[in-house]
Amino acid sequence: FAAVLVAFMCVFSVAATNSVRRAVPRAAGAAG
């Protein structure tokens, strides 16, 4: 529980690292 909660608290600092975060993930798509 705590691990997800810590990530939730980090949402307030996401803007500063948004360019880094968006460099790796992909948008979830359909599997055809």
All heavy atoms as atom14 arrays in JSON, in Angstrom:
{
  "sequence": "FAAVLVAFMCVFSVAATNSVRRAVPRAAGAAG",
  "atom14_mask": [
    [1, 1, 1, 1, 1, 1, 1, 1, 1, 1, 1, 0, 0, 0],
    [1, 1, 1, 1, 1, 0, 0, 0, 0, 0, 0, 0, 0, 0],
    [1, 1, 1, 1, 1, 0, 0, 0, 0, 0, 0, 0, 0, 0],
    [1, 1, 1, 1, 1, 1, 1, 0, 0, 0, 0, 0, 0, 0],
    [1, 1, 1, 1, 1, 1, 1, 1, 0, 0, 0, 0, 0, 0],
    [1, 1, 1, 1, 1, 1, 1, 0, 0, 0, 0, 0, 0, 0],
    [1, 1, 1, 1, 1, 0, 0, 0, 0, 0, 0, 0, 0, 0],
    [1, 1, 1, 1, 1, 1, 1, 1, 1, 1, 1, 0, 0, 0],
    [1, 1, 1, 1, 1, 1, 1, 1, 0, 0, 0, 0, 0, 0],
    [1, 1, 1, 1, 1, 1, 0, 0, 0, 0, 0, 0, 0, 0],
    [1, 1, 1, 1, 1, 1, 1, 0, 0, 0, 0, 0, 0, 0],
    [1, 1, 1, 1, 1, 1, 1, 1, 1, 1, 1, 0, 0, 0],
    [1, 1, 1, 1, 1, 1, 0, 0, 0, 0, 0, 0, 0, 0],
    [1, 1, 1, 1, 1, 1, 1, 0, 0, 0, 0, 0, 0, 0],
    [1, 1, 1, 1, 1, 0, 0, 0, 0, 0, 0, 0, 0, 0],
    [1, 1, 1, 1, 1, 0, 0, 0, 0, 0, 0, 0, 0, 0],
    [1, 1, 1, 1, 1, 1, 1, 0, 0, 0, 0, 0, 0, 0],
    [1, 1, 1, 1, 1, 1, 1, 1, 0, 0, 0, 0, 0, 0],
    [1, 1, 1, 1, 1, 1, 0, 0, 0, 0, 0, 0, 0, 0],
    [1, 1, 1, 1, 1, 1, 1, 0, 0, 0, 0, 0, 0, 0],
    [1, 1, 1, 1, 1, 1, 1, 1, 1, 1, 1, 0, 0, 0],
    [1, 1, 1, 1, 1, 1, 1, 1, 1, 1, 1, 0, 0, 0],
    [1, 1, 1, 1, 1, 0, 0, 0, 0, 0, 0, 0, 0, 0],
    [1, 1, 1, 1, 1, 1, 1, 0, 0, 0, 0, 0, 0, 0],
    [1, 1, 1, 1, 1, 1, 1, 0, 0, 0, 0, 0, 0, 0],
    [1, 1, 1, 1, 1, 1, 1, 1, 1, 1, 1, 0, 0, 0],
    [1, 1, 1, 1, 1, 0, 0, 0, 0, 0, 0, 0, 0, 0],
    [1, 1, 1, 1, 1, 0, 0, 0, 0, 0, 0, 0, 0, 0],
    [1, 1, 1, 1, 0, 0, 0, 0, 0, 0, 0, 0, 0, 0],
    [1, 1, 1, 1, 1, 0, 0, 0, 0, 0, 0, 0, 0, 0],
    [1, 1, 1, 1, 1, 0, 0, 0, 0, 0, 0, 0, 0, 0],
    [1, 1, 1, 1, 0, 0, 0, 0, 0, 0, 0, 0, 0, 0]
  ],
  "atom14_positions": [
    [[0.84, -1.19, 0.0], [0.0, 0.0, 0.0], [0.87, 1.25, 0.0], [0.65, 2.19, -0.73], [-0.9, 0.05, 1.24], [-1.86, -1.1, 1.33], [-2.45, -1.42, 2.54], [-2.16, -1.88, 0.21], [-3.34, -2.46, 2.62], [-3.05, -2.92, 0.29], [-3.64, -3.22, 1.5], [0.0, 0.0, 0.0], [0.0, 0.0, 0.0], [0.0, 0.0, 0.0]],
    [[1.91, 1.23, 0.85], [2.75, 2.41, 1.03], [3.48, 2.75, -0.26], [3.68, 3.93, -0.57], [3.76, 2.17, 2.15], [0.0, 0.0, 0.0], [0.0, 0.0, 0.0], [0.0, 0.0, 0.0], [0.0, 0.0, 0.0], [0.0, 0.0, 0.0], [0.0, 0.0, 0.0], [0.0, 0.0, 0.0], [0.0, 0.0, 0.0], [0.0, 0.0, 0.0]],
    [[3.88, 1.74, -1.01], [4.62, 2.0, -2.24], [3.8, 2.78, -3.24], [4.29, 3.72, -3.87], [5.07, 0.67, -2.87], [0.0, 0.0, 0.0], [0.0, 0.0, 0.0], [0.0, 0.0, 0.0], [0.0, 0.0, 0.0], [0.0, 0.0, 0.0], [0.0, 0.0, 0.0], [0.0, 0.0, 0.0], [0.0, 0.0, 0.0], [0.0, 0.0, 0.0]],
    [[2.52, 2.43, -3.4], [1.67, 3.17, -4.31], [1.38, 4.55, -3.75], [1.32, 5.53, -4.49], [0.36, 2.41, -4.57], [-0.51, 3.19, -5.55], [0.65, 1.03, -5.13], [0.0, 0.0, 0.0], [0.0, 0.0, 0.0], [0.0, 0.0, 0.0], [0.0, 0.0, 0.0], [0.0, 0.0, 0.0], [0.0, 0.0, 0.0], [0.0, 0.0, 0.0]],
    [[1.21, 4.66, -2.42], [0.9, 5.95, -1.81], [2.04, 6.93, -1.99], [1.83, 8.11, -2.26], [0.6, 5.76, -0.32], [0.18, 7.03, 0.43], [-1.05, 7.65, -0.22], [-0.08, 6.73, 1.9], [0.0, 0.0, 0.0], [0.0, 0.0, 0.0], [0.0, 0.0, 0.0], [0.0, 0.0, 0.0], [0.0, 0.0, 0.0], [0.0, 0.0, 0.0]],
    [[3.29, 6.43, -1.86], [4.44, 7.3, -2.06], [4.43, 7.85, -3.48], [4.68, 9.04, -3.72], [5.76, 6.54, -1.8], [6.95, 7.33, -2.31], [5.91, 6.27, -0.31], [0.0, 0.0, 0.0], [0.0, 0.0, 0.0], [0.0, 0.0, 0.0], [0.0, 0.0, 0.0], [0.0, 0.0, 0.0], [0.0, 0.0, 0.0], [0.0, 0.0, 0.0]],
    [[4.11, 6.99, -4.43], [4.04, 7.45, -5.82], [2.95, 8.5, -5.99], [3.1, 9.45, -6.74], [3.78, 6.27, -6.75], [0.0, 0.0, 0.0], [0.0, 0.0, 0.0], [0.0, 0.0, 0.0], [0.0, 0.0, 0.0], [0.0, 0.0, 0.0], [0.0, 0.0, 0.0], [0.0, 0.0, 0.0], [0.0, 0.0, 0.0], [0.0, 0.0, 0.0]],
    [[1.84, 8.32, -5.28], [0.74, 9.29, -5.34], [1.2, 10.64, -4.83], [0.9, 11.68, -5.42], [-0.42, 8.76, -4.5], [-1.56, 9.74, -4.36], [-2.18, 10.26, -5.47], [-2.01, 10.11, -3.09], [-3.24, 11.14, -5.34], [-3.06, 10.99, -2.96], [-3.68, 11.5, -4.09], [0.0, 0.0, 0.0], [0.0, 0.0, 0.0], [0.0, 0.0, 0.0]],
    [[1.96, 10.64, -3.73], [2.44, 11.89, -3.17], [3.4, 12.59, -4.12], [3.52, 13.81, -4.12], [3.14, 11.63, -1.82], [2.2, 11.07, -0.75], [0.82, 12.19, -0.38], [1.7, 13.53, 0.41], [0.0, 0.0, 0.0], [0.0, 0.0, 0.0], [0.0, 0.0, 0.0], [0.0, 0.0, 0.0], [0.0, 0.0, 0.0], [0.0, 0.0, 0.0]],
    [[4.06, 11.79, -4.97], [5.02, 12.38, -5.9], [4.36, 13.11, -7.05], [5.02, 13.81, -7.82], [5.95, 11.29, -6.46], [7.1, 10.63, -5.25], [0.0, 0.0, 0.0], [0.0, 0.0, 0.0], [0.0, 0.0, 0.0], [0.0, 0.0, 0.0], [0.0, 0.0, 0.0], [0.0, 0.0, 0.0], [0.0, 0.0, 0.0], [0.0, 0.0, 0.0]],
    [[3.03, 12.96, -7.19], [2.35, 13.57, -8.32], [2.54, 15.07, -8.36], [2.54, 15.69, -9.41], [0.85, 13.23, -8.3], [0.14, 13.95, -7.17], [0.19, 13.56, -9.63], [0.0, 0.0, 0.0], [0.0, 0.0, 0.0], [0.0, 0.0, 0.0], [0.0, 0.0, 0.0], [0.0, 0.0, 0.0], [0.0, 0.0, 0.0], [0.0, 0.0, 0.0]],
    [[2.77, 15.69, -7.19], [2.92, 17.14, -7.13], [4.25, 17.61, -7.72], [4.43, 18.78, -7.98], [2.78, 17.62, -5.69], [1.43, 17.3, -5.11], [1.27, 16.27, -4.21], [0.3, 18.0, -5.51], [0.02, 15.96, -3.69], [-0.95, 17.7, -5.0], [-1.08, 16.67, -4.09], [0.0, 0.0, 0.0], [0.0, 0.0, 0.0], [0.0, 0.0, 0.0]],
    [[5.19, 16.69, -7.89], [6.48, 17.08, -8.46], [6.66, 16.55, -9.87], [7.72, 16.65, -10.45], [7.62, 16.55, -7.57], [7.6, 15.14, -7.54], [0.0, 0.0, 0.0], [0.0, 0.0, 0.0], [0.0, 0.0, 0.0], [0.0, 0.0, 0.0], [0.0, 0.0, 0.0], [0.0, 0.0, 0.0], [0.0, 0.0, 0.0], [0.0, 0.0, 0.0]],
    [[5.59, 16.03, -10.46], [5.69, 15.42, -11.78], [6.02, 16.44, -12.85], [6.78, 16.18, -13.78], [4.38, 14.69, -12.13], [4.38, 14.27, -13.59], [4.22, 13.46, -11.26], [0.0, 0.0, 0.0], [0.0, 0.0, 0.0], [0.0, 0.0, 0.0], [0.0, 0.0, 0.0], [0.0, 0.0, 0.0], [0.0, 0.0, 0.0], [0.0, 0.0, 0.0]],
    [[5.45, 17.65, -12.74], [5.62, 18.64, -13.79], [7.08, 18.91, -14.09], [7.47, 19.08, -15.25], [4.91, 19.94, -13.4], [0.0, 0.0, 0.0], [0.0, 0.0, 0.0], [0.0, 0.0, 0.0], [0.0, 0.0, 0.0], [0.0, 0.0, 0.0], [0.0, 0.0, 0.0], [0.0, 0.0, 0.0], [0.0, 0.0, 0.0], [0.0, 0.0, 0.0]],
    [[7.91, 18.91, -13.06], [9.32, 19.24, -13.25], [10.06, 18.17, -14.03], [11.11, 18.42, -14.62], [9.99, 19.46, -11.89], [0.0, 0.0, 0.0], [0.0, 0.0, 0.0], [0.0, 0.0, 0.0], [0.0, 0.0, 0.0], [0.0, 0.0, 0.0], [0.0, 0.0, 0.0], [0.0, 0.0, 0.0], [0.0, 0.0, 0.0], [0.0, 0.0, 0.0]],
    [[9.56, 16.94, -14.02], [10.25, 15.84, -14.68], [9.43, 15.23, -15.78], [9.7, 14.14, -16.24], [10.59, 14.74, -13.65], [9.37, 14.28, -13.05], [11.51, 15.26, -12.56], [0.0, 0.0, 0.0], [0.0, 0.0, 0.0], [0.0, 0.0, 0.0], [0.0, 0.0, 0.0], [0.0, 0.0, 0.0], [0.0, 0.0, 0.0], [0.0, 0.0, 0.0]],
    [[8.41, 15.97, -16.25], [7.48, 15.41, -17.23], [8.18, 14.99, -18.52], [7.85, 13.97, -19.1], [6.39, 16.43, -17.55], [5.23, 15.78, -18.28], [4.74, 14.74, -17.85], [4.79, 16.39, -19.36], [0.0, 0.0, 0.0], [0.0, 0.0, 0.0], [0.0, 0.0, 0.0], [0.0, 0.0, 0.0], [0.0, 0.0, 0.0], [0.0, 0.0, 0.0]],
    [[9.17, 15.77, -18.96], [9.84, 15.43, -20.21], [10.59, 14.12, -20.09], [10.72, 13.37, -21.06], [10.81, 16.55, -20.6], [11.78, 16.74, -19.6], [0.0, 0.0, 0.0], [0.0, 0.0, 0.0], [0.0, 0.0, 0.0], [0.0, 0.0, 0.0], [0.0, 0.0, 0.0], [0.0, 0.0, 0.0], [0.0, 0.0, 0.0], [0.0, 0.0, 0.0]],
    [[11.1, 13.82, -18.89], [11.8, 12.56, -18.67], [10.81, 11.42, -18.64], [11.0, 10.38, -19.27], [12.61, 12.61, -17.35], [13.23, 11.26, -17.08], [13.69, 13.67, -17.44], [0.0, 0.0, 0.0], [0.0, 0.0, 0.0], [0.0, 0.0, 0.0], [0.0, 0.0, 0.0], [0.0, 0.0, 0.0], [0.0, 0.0, 0.0], [0.0, 0.0, 0.0]],
    [[9.71, 11.61, -17.92], [8.73, 10.55, -17.75], [8.11, 10.15, -19.09], [7.78, 9.0, -19.31], [7.64, 10.98, -16.78], [8.16, 11.14, -15.35], [7.02, 11.39, -14.39], [7.52, 11.58, -13.05], [7.86, 10.59, -12.24], [7.78, 9.35, -12.66], [8.31, 10.83, -11.03], [0.0, 0.0, 0.0], [0.0, 0.0, 0.0], [0.0, 0.0, 0.0]],
    [[7.9, 11.09, -19.95], [7.24, 10.81, -21.22], [8.19, 10.21, -22.26], [7.76, 9.79, -23.31], [6.63, 12.08, -21.78], [5.5, 12.64, -20.92], [4.29, 11.73, -20.88], [3.3, 12.23, -19.95], [2.14, 11.66, -19.76], [1.83, 10.56, -20.4], [1.27, 12.17, -18.9], [0.0, 0.0, 0.0], [0.0, 0.0, 0.0], [0.0, 0.0, 0.0]],
    [[9.48, 10.16, -21.94], [10.44, 9.66, -22.92], [10.43, 8.14, -23.01], [10.85, 7.58, -24.01], [11.85, 10.14, -22.56], [0.0, 0.0, 0.0], [0.0, 0.0, 0.0], [0.0, 0.0, 0.0], [0.0, 0.0, 0.0], [0.0, 0.0, 0.0], [0.0, 0.0, 0.0], [0.0, 0.0, 0.0], [0.0, 0.0, 0.0], [0.0, 0.0, 0.0]],
    [[9.97, 7.47, -21.95], [10.04, 6.01, -21.92], [8.72, 5.32, -22.17], [8.63, 4.43, -23.0], [10.63, 5.54, -20.55], [10.66, 4.03, -20.49], [12.03, 6.1, -20.37], [0.0, 0.0, 0.0], [0.0, 0.0, 0.0], [0.0, 0.0, 0.0], [0.0, 0.0, 0.0], [0.0, 0.0, 0.0], [0.0, 0.0, 0.0], [0.0, 0.0, 0.0]],
    [[7.61, 5.7, -21.48], [6.38, 4.92, -21.58], [5.68, 5.06, -22.93], [5.94, 5.98, -23.71], [5.5, 5.5, -20.46], [6.44, 6.25, -19.57], [7.5, 6.77, -20.48], [0.0, 0.0, 0.0], [0.0, 0.0, 0.0], [0.0, 0.0, 0.0], [0.0, 0.0, 0.0], [0.0, 0.0, 0.0], [0.0, 0.0, 0.0], [0.0, 0.0, 0.0]],
    [[4.77, 4.12, -23.18], [3.91, 4.14, -24.36], [2.47, 4.22, -23.9], [2.14, 3.73, -22.82], [4.08, 2.85, -25.17], [5.51, 2.57, -25.57], [5.62, 1.17, -26.14], [5.31, 0.16, -25.14], [6.19, -0.3, -24.26], [7.42, 0.17, -24.26], [5.86, -1.22, -23.38], [0.0, 0.0, 0.0], [0.0, 0.0, 0.0], [0.0, 0.0, 0.0]],
    [[1.62, 4.77, -24.72], [0.19, 4.75, -24.41], [-0.34, 3.35, -24.63], [0.01, 2.68, -25.6], [-0.55, 5.74, -25.31], [0.0, 0.0, 0.0], [0.0, 0.0, 0.0], [0.0, 0.0, 0.0], [0.0, 0.0, 0.0], [0.0, 0.0, 0.0], [0.0, 0.0, 0.0], [0.0, 0.0, 0.0], [0.0, 0.0, 0.0], [0.0, 0.0, 0.0]],
    [[-1.18, 2.87, -23.7], [-1.75, 1.53, -23.83], [-2.65, 1.49, -25.05], [-3.5, 2.35, -25.24], [-2.54, 1.17, -22.58], [0.0, 0.0, 0.0], [0.0, 0.0, 0.0], [0.0, 0.0, 0.0], [0.0, 0.0, 0.0], [0.0, 0.0, 0.0], [0.0, 0.0, 0.0], [0.0, 0.0, 0.0], [0.0, 0.0, 0.0], [0.0, 0.0, 0.0]],
    [[-2.46, 0.48, -25.87], [-3.25, 0.38, -27.09], [-3.94, -0.95, -27.2], [-3.73, -1.86, -26.41], [0.0, 0.0, 0.0], [0.0, 0.0, 0.0], [0.0, 0.0, 0.0], [0.0, 0.0, 0.0], [0.0, 0.0, 0.0], [0.0, 0.0, 0.0], [0.0, 0.0, 0.0], [0.0, 0.0, 0.0], [0.0, 0.0, 0.0], [0.0, 0.0, 0.0]],
    [[-4.82, -1.08, -28.19], [-5.54, -2.32, -28.4], [-4.6, -3.38, -28.94], [-3.6, -3.11, -29.57], [-6.68, -2.09, -29.39], [0.0, 0.0, 0.0], [0.0, 0.0, 0.0], [0.0, 0.0, 0.0], [0.0, 0.0, 0.0], [0.0, 0.0, 0.0], [0.0, 0.0, 0.0], [0.0, 0.0, 0.0], [0.0, 0.0, 0.0], [0.0, 0.0, 0.0]],
    [[-4.97, -4.63, -28.7], [-4.13, -5.74, -29.12], [-4.64, -6.36, -30.41], [-4.28, -7.46, -30.78], [-4.08, -6.79, -28.02], [0.0, 0.0, 0.0], [0.0, 0.0, 0.0], [0.0, 0.0, 0.0], [0.0, 0.0, 0.0], [0.0, 0.0, 0.0], [0.0, 0.0, 0.0], [0.0, 0.0, 0.0], [0.0, 0.0, 0.0], [0.0, 0.0, 0.0]],
    [[-5.53, -5.65, -31.13], [-6.03, -6.13, -32.41], [-6.76, -7.45, -32.29], [-7.54, -7.66, -31.38], [0.0, 0.0, 0.0], [0.0, 0.0, 0.0], [0.0, 0.0, 0.0], [0.0, 0.0, 0.0], [0.0, 0.0, 0.0], [0.0, 0.0, 0.0], [0.0, 0.0, 0.0], [0.0, 0.0, 0.0], [0.0, 0.0, 0.0], [0.0, 0.0, 0.0]]
  ]
}
